[in-house]
Amino acid sequence: MTSAALPLWVEIIVAALVLAGAGLSLVGSFGLLRLPTFFQRVHAPSIIATMGCWCIMHASLLYFSLQRSGLALYTLLIAVFLAITVPVTTIFLMRAALFRARQSSKDVPPSVSRVAPPVTRDL
């Protein structure tokens, strides 16, 4: 199957979006390597790399929609899936790390939970 050549302006926009997405993902990776604590390191890939994913998604949406002359919604589904799962996973990882740090008596912020501690009765 031969594909028609896209206009130059489309190729430039697609290339710029892919490069921006790759650059943002690279910055997120450097943040993962350079930041000192787990709680600081977890933000860099989750926030910045998600933005890089959205840039690449827009590039592939534009490219495949114009290449096949129809809207390529599957790229949007991938990005929506990542946008939903990455923050949820990050929250679970941070809560587990915070719980573990509290259990080992490290200096972490106190719990803001409104749950009262259990009352123990001596029988």
Protein backbone atom coordinates (compact mmCIF):
# COMPACT_ATOMS: atom_id res chain seq x y z
CA MET A 1 0.00 0.00 0.00
CA THR A 2 1.52 3.28 -1.08
CA SER A 3 0.86 6.36 0.95
CA ALA A 4 0.51 9.88 -0.31
CA ALA A 5 3.13 12.42 0.65
CA LEU A 6 2.02 14.93 3.25
CA PRO A 7 2.47 18.67 2.80
CA LEU A 8 5.69 20.13 4.16
CA TRP A 9 3.91 22.18 6.84
CA VAL A 10 2.31 19.02 8.26
CA GLU A 11 5.64 17.21 8.34
CA ILE A 12 7.22 20.19 10.15
CA ILE A 13 4.45 20.29 12.77
CA VAL A 14 4.61 16.52 13.28
CA ALA A 15 8.41 16.61 13.61
CA ALA A 16 8.25 19.54 16.06
CA LEU A 17 5.67 17.76 18.22
CA VAL A 18 7.65 14.51 18.26
CA LEU A 19 10.85 16.35 19.14
CA ALA A 20 9.07 18.33 21.86
CA GLY A 21 7.61 15.13 23.31
CA ALA A 22 10.98 13.40 23.23
CA GLY A 23 12.65 16.42 24.81
CA LEU A 24 10.09 16.61 27.60
CA SER A 25 10.45 12.90 28.28
CA LEU A 26 14.22 13.32 28.42
CA VAL A 27 13.87 16.16 30.94
CA GLY A 28 11.61 13.92 33.05
CA SER A 29 14.25 11.19 32.92
CA PHE A 30 16.96 13.60 34.08
CA GLY A 31 14.71 14.64 36.96
CA LEU A 32 14.34 11.00 37.92
CA LEU A 33 18.12 10.62 38.03
CA ARG A 34 19.08 13.94 39.62
CA LEU A 35 16.56 14.65 42.38
CA PRO A 36 17.65 13.46 45.85
CA THR A 37 14.59 11.91 47.51
CA PHE A 38 11.93 9.50 46.32
CA PHE A 39 9.16 12.03 46.95
CA GLN A 40 10.89 14.56 44.68
CA ARG A 41 11.91 12.01 42.05
CA VAL A 42 8.39 10.64 41.57
CA HIS A 43 7.05 13.94 40.23
CA ALA A 44 9.47 14.43 37.36
CA PRO A 45 8.56 11.41 35.25
CA SER A 46 4.89 11.44 36.09
CA ILE A 47 4.20 15.05 35.21
CA ILE A 48 6.76 15.90 32.54
CA ALA A 49 6.73 12.55 30.74
CA THR A 50 2.93 12.66 30.59
CA MET A 51 3.18 16.00 28.78
CA GLY A 52 5.73 14.42 26.43
CA CYS A 53 3.26 11.63 25.75
CA TRP A 54 0.56 14.15 24.87
CA CYS A 55 2.90 15.91 22.41
CA ILE A 56 3.72 12.63 20.69
CA MET A 57 0.03 11.69 20.70
CA HIS A 58 -0.89 14.94 18.95
CA ALA A 59 1.85 14.34 16.38
CA SER A 60 0.66 10.80 15.63
CA LEU A 61 -2.99 11.91 15.60
CA LEU A 62 -2.19 14.58 13.02
CA TYR A 63 0.04 12.31 10.94
CA PHE A 64 -2.22 9.26 10.79
CA SER A 65 -5.40 11.30 10.37
CA LEU A 66 -4.01 13.12 7.34
CA GLN A 67 -2.24 10.04 5.98
CA ARG A 68 -5.42 7.92 5.91
CA SER A 69 -7.88 10.81 5.46
CA GLY A 70 -9.83 9.84 8.57
CA LEU A 71 -9.62 10.65 12.26
CA ALA A 72 -7.19 8.28 14.03
CA LEU A 73 -8.82 8.06 17.45
CA TYR A 74 -6.75 5.12 18.69
CA THR A 75 -3.85 7.47 19.45
CA LEU A 76 -6.16 9.53 21.63
CA LEU A 77 -7.23 6.40 23.50
CA ILE A 78 -3.61 5.57 24.34
CA ALA A 79 -2.99 9.08 25.69
CA VAL A 80 -6.21 9.09 27.73
CA PHE A 81 -5.27 5.74 29.22
CA LEU A 82 -1.86 7.10 30.23
CA ALA A 83 -3.39 10.31 31.58
CA ILE A 84 -5.65 8.26 33.85
CA THR A 85 -3.23 5.57 34.98
CA VAL A 86 -0.06 7.60 35.60
CA PRO A 87 -1.49 9.89 38.34
CA VAL A 88 -3.27 7.01 40.06
CA THR A 89 -0.12 4.89 40.07
CA THR A 90 1.94 7.84 41.32
CA ILE A 91 -0.47 8.42 44.19
CA PHE A 92 -0.33 4.75 45.21
CA LEU A 93 3.47 4.70 45.04
CA MET A 94 3.76 7.88 47.11
CA ARG A 95 1.29 6.65 49.73
CA ALA A 96 3.15 3.35 50.05
CA ALA A 97 6.49 5.13 50.40
CA LEU A 98 5.03 7.54 52.95
CA PHE A 99 3.58 4.65 54.96
CA ARG A 100 6.89 2.84 54.88
CA ALA A 101 8.80 5.97 55.93
CA ARG A 102 6.41 6.50 58.85
CA GLN A 103 6.81 2.87 59.92
CA SER A 104 10.60 3.25 60.03
CA SER A 105 10.28 6.54 62.00
CA LYS A 106 11.78 8.76 59.33
CA ASP A 107 11.17 12.50 59.28
CA VAL A 108 8.05 12.82 57.12
CA PRO A 109 4.99 15.04 57.39
CA PRO A 110 2.32 13.83 59.81
CA SER A 111 -0.83 12.16 58.59
CA VAL A 112 -3.69 14.50 57.74
CA SER A 113 -6.21 11.70 57.98
CA ARG A 114 -9.23 12.49 60.14
CA VAL A 115 -9.53 8.91 61.28
CA ALA A 116 -9.17 8.73 65.06
CA PRO A 117 -6.67 6.23 66.42
CA PRO A 118 -8.25 3.06 67.83
CA VAL A 119 -9.13 3.15 71.50
CA THR A 120 -7.64 0.30 73.48
CA ARG A 121 -9.38 -0.98 76.58
CA ASP A 122 -7.71 -2.82 79.37
CA LEU A 123 -9.86 -5.75 80.44
